[in-house]
Amino acid sequence: MKVRPILVKTAFIAVLVGGVAAMAGANAAQSIVGTWATPGKCGAPLATIVVEPMGLSGEDFFCEFNSVARTGDTVRWRGTCTYGADTPEKTSVTARLAKGLLSYRMNADGWNGPLRRCPK
């Protein structure tokens, strides 16, 4: 019985499988769920937002979404947002991740950000 060729084949297969898994992980889009803030301002008033799979909130607003779509590093939600004591408004929110920084906009308003992920 030749043990060496079997070990070499087994090692090659393990490296190949590990490489494929690493490539798949590298191509997977990073989650944007979490707490984001103006760089250096985690926890500061009006500087922090919380992104959830079907929600977005800040100190003076919250949004609840009924649909979400993702293409690469861009996420689009549709639902309603409430600002202060106002009645909920139909809103489309787009968020995009670039170089580890998050920017978002509501409807056709200008972009907010860039924001940096806050530590857990």
N, C-alpha and C. Protein backbone atom coordinates (compact mmCIF):
# COMPACT_ATOMS: atom_id res chain seq x y z
N MET A 1 0.84 -1.18 0.00
CA MET A 1 0.00 0.00 0.00
C MET A 1 0.89 1.25 0.00
N LYS A 2 0.61 2.18 -0.90
CA LYS A 2 1.39 3.40 -1.01
C LYS A 2 0.66 4.52 -0.26
N VAL A 3 1.18 4.88 0.88
CA VAL A 3 0.56 5.89 1.72
C VAL A 3 0.86 7.30 1.20
N ARG A 4 2.05 7.53 0.75
CA ARG A 4 2.46 8.88 0.33
C ARG A 4 1.57 9.45 -0.77
N PRO A 5 1.29 8.74 -1.88
CA PRO A 5 0.41 9.34 -2.91
C PRO A 5 -0.99 9.66 -2.37
N ILE A 6 -1.50 8.83 -1.49
CA ILE A 6 -2.83 9.08 -0.92
C ILE A 6 -2.80 10.35 -0.08
N LEU A 7 -1.74 10.53 0.73
CA LEU A 7 -1.62 11.73 1.55
C LEU A 7 -1.49 12.97 0.67
N VAL A 8 -0.72 12.89 -0.40
CA VAL A 8 -0.56 14.03 -1.30
C VAL A 8 -1.89 14.38 -1.95
N LYS A 9 -2.64 13.37 -2.42
CA LYS A 9 -3.94 13.61 -3.04
C LYS A 9 -4.90 14.22 -2.02
N THR A 10 -4.90 13.70 -0.80
CA THR A 10 -5.79 14.22 0.24
C THR A 10 -5.44 15.67 0.58
N ALA A 11 -4.15 15.97 0.67
CA ALA A 11 -3.73 17.34 0.97
C ALA A 11 -4.12 18.27 -0.17
N PHE A 12 -3.95 17.83 -1.42
CA PHE A 12 -4.32 18.65 -2.58
C PHE A 12 -5.82 18.95 -2.58
N ILE A 13 -6.63 17.93 -2.31
CA ILE A 13 -8.09 18.12 -2.27
C ILE A 13 -8.47 19.08 -1.15
N ALA A 14 -7.83 18.96 0.02
CA ALA A 14 -8.13 19.85 1.14
C ALA A 14 -7.78 21.29 0.79
N VAL A 15 -6.64 21.52 0.14
CA VAL A 15 -6.24 22.87 -0.26
C VAL A 15 -7.21 23.40 -1.31
N LEU A 16 -7.60 22.56 -2.26
CA LEU A 16 -8.53 22.98 -3.31
C LEU A 16 -9.88 23.37 -2.71
N VAL A 17 -10.42 22.55 -1.83
CA VAL A 17 -11.71 22.85 -1.20
C VAL A 17 -11.60 24.11 -0.36
N GLY A 18 -10.53 24.26 0.40
CA GLY A 18 -10.34 25.46 1.21
C GLY A 18 -10.23 26.71 0.35
N GLY A 19 -9.55 26.63 -0.78
CA GLY A 19 -9.42 27.76 -1.69
C GLY A 19 -10.75 28.16 -2.29
N VAL A 20 -11.55 27.18 -2.69
CA VAL A 20 -12.88 27.46 -3.25
C VAL A 20 -13.76 28.12 -2.19
N ALA A 21 -13.71 27.61 -0.96
CA ALA A 21 -14.51 28.20 0.13
C ALA A 21 -14.06 29.62 0.40
N ALA A 22 -12.75 29.86 0.39
CA ALA A 22 -12.25 31.22 0.63
C ALA A 22 -12.68 32.16 -0.48
N MET A 23 -12.65 31.69 -1.73
CA MET A 23 -13.07 32.53 -2.85
C MET A 23 -14.55 32.84 -2.75
N ALA A 24 -15.35 31.87 -2.36
CA ALA A 24 -16.79 32.11 -2.21
C ALA A 24 -17.04 33.14 -1.12
N GLY A 25 -16.30 33.05 -0.02
CA GLY A 25 -16.45 34.02 1.07
C GLY A 25 -16.01 35.41 0.66
N ALA A 26 -14.97 35.49 -0.17
CA ALA A 26 -14.48 36.79 -0.61
C ALA A 26 -15.47 37.47 -1.54
N ASN A 27 -16.25 36.70 -2.27
CA ASN A 27 -17.21 37.26 -3.21
C ASN A 27 -18.55 37.58 -2.56
N ALA A 28 -18.78 37.08 -1.35
CA ALA A 28 -20.06 37.32 -0.68
C ALA A 28 -20.10 38.78 -0.21
N ALA A 29 -21.25 39.41 -0.40
CA ALA A 29 -21.41 40.80 0.02
C ALA A 29 -21.41 40.88 1.54
N GLN A 30 -20.75 41.89 2.07
CA GLN A 30 -20.69 42.10 3.52
C GLN A 30 -22.04 42.59 4.02
N SER A 31 -22.48 42.08 5.14
CA SER A 31 -23.74 42.52 5.74
C SER A 31 -23.61 43.97 6.18
N ILE A 32 -24.69 44.72 5.99
CA ILE A 32 -24.70 46.11 6.48
C ILE A 32 -25.52 46.23 7.76
N VAL A 33 -26.06 45.12 8.25
CA VAL A 33 -26.81 45.13 9.50
C VAL A 33 -25.87 45.50 10.63
N GLY A 34 -26.28 46.46 11.45
CA GLY A 34 -25.46 46.88 12.57
C GLY A 34 -25.63 48.36 12.86
N THR A 35 -24.77 48.88 13.71
CA THR A 35 -24.81 50.29 14.09
C THR A 35 -23.71 51.03 13.34
N TRP A 36 -24.09 52.15 12.75
CA TRP A 36 -23.19 52.96 11.92
C TRP A 36 -23.23 54.40 12.41
N ALA A 37 -22.11 55.11 12.27
CA ALA A 37 -22.06 56.51 12.71
C ALA A 37 -21.05 57.29 11.89
N THR A 38 -21.18 58.61 11.99
CA THR A 38 -20.16 59.48 11.44
C THR A 38 -18.84 59.05 12.07
N PRO A 39 -17.75 58.92 11.29
CA PRO A 39 -16.49 58.45 11.87
C PRO A 39 -16.12 59.19 13.15
N GLY A 40 -15.83 58.42 14.20
CA GLY A 40 -15.46 58.98 15.49
C GLY A 40 -16.62 59.42 16.36
N LYS A 41 -17.87 59.15 15.93
CA LYS A 41 -19.02 59.66 16.67
C LYS A 41 -20.00 58.56 17.12
N CYS A 42 -19.55 57.32 17.25
CA CYS A 42 -20.45 56.25 17.69
C CYS A 42 -21.11 56.64 19.01
N GLY A 43 -22.42 56.58 19.05
CA GLY A 43 -23.17 56.92 20.25
C GLY A 43 -23.50 58.39 20.40
N ALA A 44 -22.96 59.24 19.54
CA ALA A 44 -23.23 60.68 19.65
C ALA A 44 -24.63 61.00 19.11
N PRO A 45 -25.31 61.97 19.71
CA PRO A 45 -26.65 62.33 19.23
C PRO A 45 -26.65 62.73 17.76
N LEU A 46 -27.66 62.25 17.04
CA LEU A 46 -27.88 62.55 15.63
C LEU A 46 -26.75 62.11 14.70
N ALA A 47 -25.84 61.27 15.18
CA ALA A 47 -24.73 60.81 14.35
C ALA A 47 -24.77 59.31 14.09
N THR A 48 -25.70 58.60 14.73
CA THR A 48 -25.72 57.14 14.69
C THR A 48 -27.03 56.62 14.12
N ILE A 49 -26.93 55.59 13.27
CA ILE A 49 -28.12 54.89 12.79
C ILE A 49 -27.95 53.41 13.06
N VAL A 50 -29.07 52.71 13.13
CA VAL A 50 -29.08 51.26 13.30
C VAL A 50 -29.76 50.65 12.09
N VAL A 51 -29.05 49.76 11.40
CA VAL A 51 -29.58 49.07 10.23
C VAL A 51 -29.97 47.67 10.66
N GLU A 52 -31.22 47.30 10.38
CA GLU A 52 -31.72 45.95 10.64
C GLU A 52 -32.11 45.34 9.30
N PRO A 53 -32.34 44.03 9.24
CA PRO A 53 -32.71 43.44 7.95
C PRO A 53 -33.94 44.10 7.31
N MET A 54 -34.92 44.47 8.11
CA MET A 54 -36.14 45.08 7.58
C MET A 54 -36.48 46.37 8.30
N GLY A 55 -35.45 47.10 8.74
CA GLY A 55 -35.67 48.36 9.44
C GLY A 55 -34.43 49.23 9.45
N LEU A 56 -34.65 50.49 9.73
CA LEU A 56 -33.57 51.48 9.82
C LEU A 56 -34.04 52.51 10.83
N SER A 57 -33.16 52.92 11.73
CA SER A 57 -33.59 53.92 12.71
C SER A 57 -32.43 54.82 13.11
N GLY A 58 -32.80 56.02 13.52
CA GLY A 58 -31.87 56.99 14.06
C GLY A 58 -32.53 57.63 15.25
N GLU A 59 -31.91 58.66 15.79
CA GLU A 59 -32.46 59.29 16.98
C GLU A 59 -33.81 59.95 16.72
N ASP A 60 -34.00 60.47 15.51
CA ASP A 60 -35.22 61.23 15.21
C ASP A 60 -36.12 60.59 14.15
N PHE A 61 -35.87 59.32 13.79
CA PHE A 61 -36.71 58.65 12.79
C PHE A 61 -36.61 57.13 12.94
N PHE A 62 -37.58 56.44 12.38
CA PHE A 62 -37.48 54.99 12.25
C PHE A 62 -38.24 54.56 11.01
N CYS A 63 -37.76 53.50 10.39
CA CYS A 63 -38.36 52.97 9.17
C CYS A 63 -38.65 51.48 9.35
N GLU A 64 -39.77 51.08 8.79
CA GLU A 64 -40.15 49.66 8.75
C GLU A 64 -40.39 49.32 7.29
N PHE A 65 -39.74 48.25 6.82
CA PHE A 65 -39.80 47.91 5.41
C PHE A 65 -40.57 46.62 5.18
N ASN A 66 -41.22 46.54 4.01
CA ASN A 66 -41.92 45.32 3.65
C ASN A 66 -41.28 44.62 2.47
N SER A 67 -40.26 45.25 1.85
CA SER A 67 -39.51 44.57 0.79
C SER A 67 -38.07 45.04 0.81
N VAL A 68 -37.19 44.15 0.40
CA VAL A 68 -35.76 44.45 0.34
C VAL A 68 -35.15 43.74 -0.85
N ALA A 69 -34.20 44.39 -1.52
CA ALA A 69 -33.47 43.78 -2.63
C ALA A 69 -32.01 44.21 -2.51
N ARG A 70 -31.12 43.31 -2.88
CA ARG A 70 -29.70 43.62 -2.81
C ARG A 70 -29.03 43.26 -4.12
N THR A 71 -28.21 44.17 -4.62
CA THR A 71 -27.38 43.93 -5.79
C THR A 71 -25.97 44.33 -5.41
N GLY A 72 -25.10 43.36 -5.22
CA GLY A 72 -23.73 43.66 -4.80
C GLY A 72 -23.71 44.36 -3.47
N ASP A 73 -23.16 45.56 -3.45
CA ASP A 73 -23.04 46.33 -2.20
C ASP A 73 -24.11 47.41 -2.08
N THR A 74 -25.20 47.29 -2.85
CA THR A 74 -26.31 48.24 -2.77
C THR A 74 -27.57 47.52 -2.31
N VAL A 75 -28.21 48.06 -1.29
CA VAL A 75 -29.44 47.49 -0.73
C VAL A 75 -30.55 48.52 -0.91
N ARG A 76 -31.73 48.05 -1.36
CA ARG A 76 -32.90 48.94 -1.51
C ARG A 76 -34.06 48.36 -0.72
N TRP A 77 -34.63 49.20 0.12
CA TRP A 77 -35.80 48.82 0.90
C TRP A 77 -36.98 49.68 0.47
N ARG A 78 -38.19 49.15 0.65
CA ARG A 78 -39.42 49.93 0.47
C ARG A 78 -40.30 49.68 1.67
N GLY A 79 -40.89 50.75 2.18
CA GLY A 79 -41.76 50.65 3.34
C GLY A 79 -42.18 52.03 3.78
N THR A 80 -42.20 52.23 5.10
CA THR A 80 -42.59 53.53 5.63
C THR A 80 -41.54 54.01 6.64
N CYS A 81 -41.40 55.33 6.69
CA CYS A 81 -40.54 55.95 7.69
C CYS A 81 -41.35 56.99 8.45
N THR A 82 -41.06 57.10 9.73
CA THR A 82 -41.72 58.07 10.60
C THR A 82 -40.64 58.99 11.16
N TYR A 83 -40.89 60.29 11.02
CA TYR A 83 -39.95 61.30 11.50
C TYR A 83 -40.60 62.02 12.67
N GLY A 84 -40.01 61.89 13.86
CA GLY A 84 -40.58 62.52 15.05
C GLY A 84 -42.00 62.03 15.29
N ALA A 85 -42.93 62.96 15.49
CA ALA A 85 -44.32 62.61 15.75
C ALA A 85 -45.17 62.64 14.48
N ASP A 86 -44.54 62.81 13.31
CA ASP A 86 -45.28 62.85 12.04
C ASP A 86 -45.91 61.49 11.74
N THR A 87 -46.85 61.49 10.81
CA THR A 87 -47.45 60.23 10.37
C THR A 87 -46.46 59.52 9.45
N PRO A 88 -46.50 58.19 9.42
CA PRO A 88 -45.58 57.43 8.56
C PRO A 88 -45.75 57.82 7.08
N GLU A 89 -44.62 57.88 6.37
CA GLU A 89 -44.62 58.21 4.95
C GLU A 89 -44.05 57.02 4.16
N LYS A 90 -44.64 56.76 2.98
CA LYS A 90 -44.05 55.76 2.10
C LYS A 90 -42.65 56.21 1.73
N THR A 91 -41.70 55.30 1.86
CA THR A 91 -40.31 55.68 1.65
C THR A 91 -39.55 54.55 0.98
N SER A 92 -38.65 54.93 0.10
CA SER A 92 -37.69 54.01 -0.50
C SER A 92 -36.32 54.43 0.01
N VAL A 93 -35.58 53.50 0.59
CA VAL A 93 -34.26 53.79 1.12
C VAL A 93 -33.23 52.96 0.35
N THR A 94 -32.17 53.63 -0.08
CA THR A 94 -31.06 52.96 -0.75
C THR A 94 -29.82 53.14 0.10
N ALA A 95 -29.12 52.05 0.35
CA ALA A 95 -27.86 52.10 1.10
C ALA A 95 -26.79 51.44 0.25
N ARG A 96 -25.58 52.01 0.30
CA ARG A 96 -24.48 51.39 -0.44
C ARG A 96 -23.23 51.39 0.42
N LEU A 97 -22.48 50.32 0.26
CA LEU A 97 -21.26 50.12 1.02
C LEU A 97 -20.09 50.26 0.05
N ALA A 98 -19.14 51.10 0.38
CA ALA A 98 -17.95 51.29 -0.44
C ALA A 98 -16.74 51.46 0.47
N LYS A 99 -15.76 50.60 0.31
CA LYS A 99 -14.52 50.67 1.10
C LYS A 99 -14.80 50.66 2.59
N GLY A 100 -15.79 49.87 3.02
CA GLY A 100 -16.11 49.75 4.43
C GLY A 100 -16.94 50.88 5.00
N LEU A 101 -17.34 51.84 4.16
CA LEU A 101 -18.15 52.97 4.63
C LEU A 101 -19.55 52.87 4.03
N LEU A 102 -20.55 53.23 4.82
CA LEU A 102 -21.95 53.15 4.41
C LEU A 102 -22.50 54.53 4.12
N SER A 103 -23.21 54.67 3.01
CA SER A 103 -23.97 55.88 2.69
C SER A 103 -25.40 55.46 2.41
N TYR A 104 -26.36 56.32 2.70
CA TYR A 104 -27.76 55.98 2.44
C TYR A 104 -28.53 57.24 2.05
N ARG A 105 -29.63 57.01 1.36
CA ARG A 105 -30.52 58.11 1.03
C ARG A 105 -31.96 57.63 1.11
N MET A 106 -32.84 58.58 1.37
CA MET A 106 -34.27 58.30 1.46
C MET A 106 -34.96 58.97 0.28
N ASN A 107 -35.72 58.19 -0.46
CA ASN A 107 -36.36 58.66 -1.69
C ASN A 107 -35.28 59.25 -2.59
N ALA A 108 -35.50 60.43 -3.12
CA ALA A 108 -34.53 61.04 -4.03
C ALA A 108 -33.68 62.10 -3.32
N ASP A 109 -33.74 62.16 -1.99
CA ASP A 109 -32.94 63.13 -1.24
C ASP A 109 -31.45 62.81 -1.41
N GLY A 110 -30.61 63.74 -0.99
CA GLY A 110 -29.17 63.55 -1.10
C GLY A 110 -28.67 62.43 -0.20
N TRP A 111 -27.43 62.04 -0.45
CA TRP A 111 -26.82 60.94 0.30
C TRP A 111 -26.40 61.41 1.69
N ASN A 112 -26.61 60.54 2.68
CA ASN A 112 -26.14 60.74 4.05
C ASN A 112 -24.91 59.85 4.24
N GLY A 113 -23.91 60.36 4.91
CA GLY A 113 -22.71 59.56 5.14
C GLY A 113 -21.51 60.24 4.52
N PRO A 114 -20.42 59.57 4.48
CA PRO A 114 -20.24 58.15 4.78
C PRO A 114 -20.20 57.89 6.29
N LEU A 115 -20.66 56.71 6.64
CA LEU A 115 -20.70 56.27 8.03
C LEU A 115 -19.77 55.08 8.22
N ARG A 116 -19.22 54.97 9.41
CA ARG A 116 -18.33 53.85 9.75
C ARG A 116 -19.06 52.94 10.73
N ARG A 117 -18.85 51.63 10.58
CA ARG A 117 -19.48 50.66 11.49
C ARG A 117 -18.95 50.88 12.91
N CYS A 118 -19.87 50.89 13.88
CA CYS A 118 -19.50 51.04 15.30
C CYS A 118 -19.15 49.67 15.87
N PRO A 119 -18.23 49.63 16.81
CA PRO A 119 -17.93 48.35 17.46
C PRO A 119 -19.13 47.85 18.23
N LYS A 120 -19.20 46.54 18.37
CA LYS A 120 -20.35 45.94 19.06
C LYS A 120 -20.24 46.12 20.55
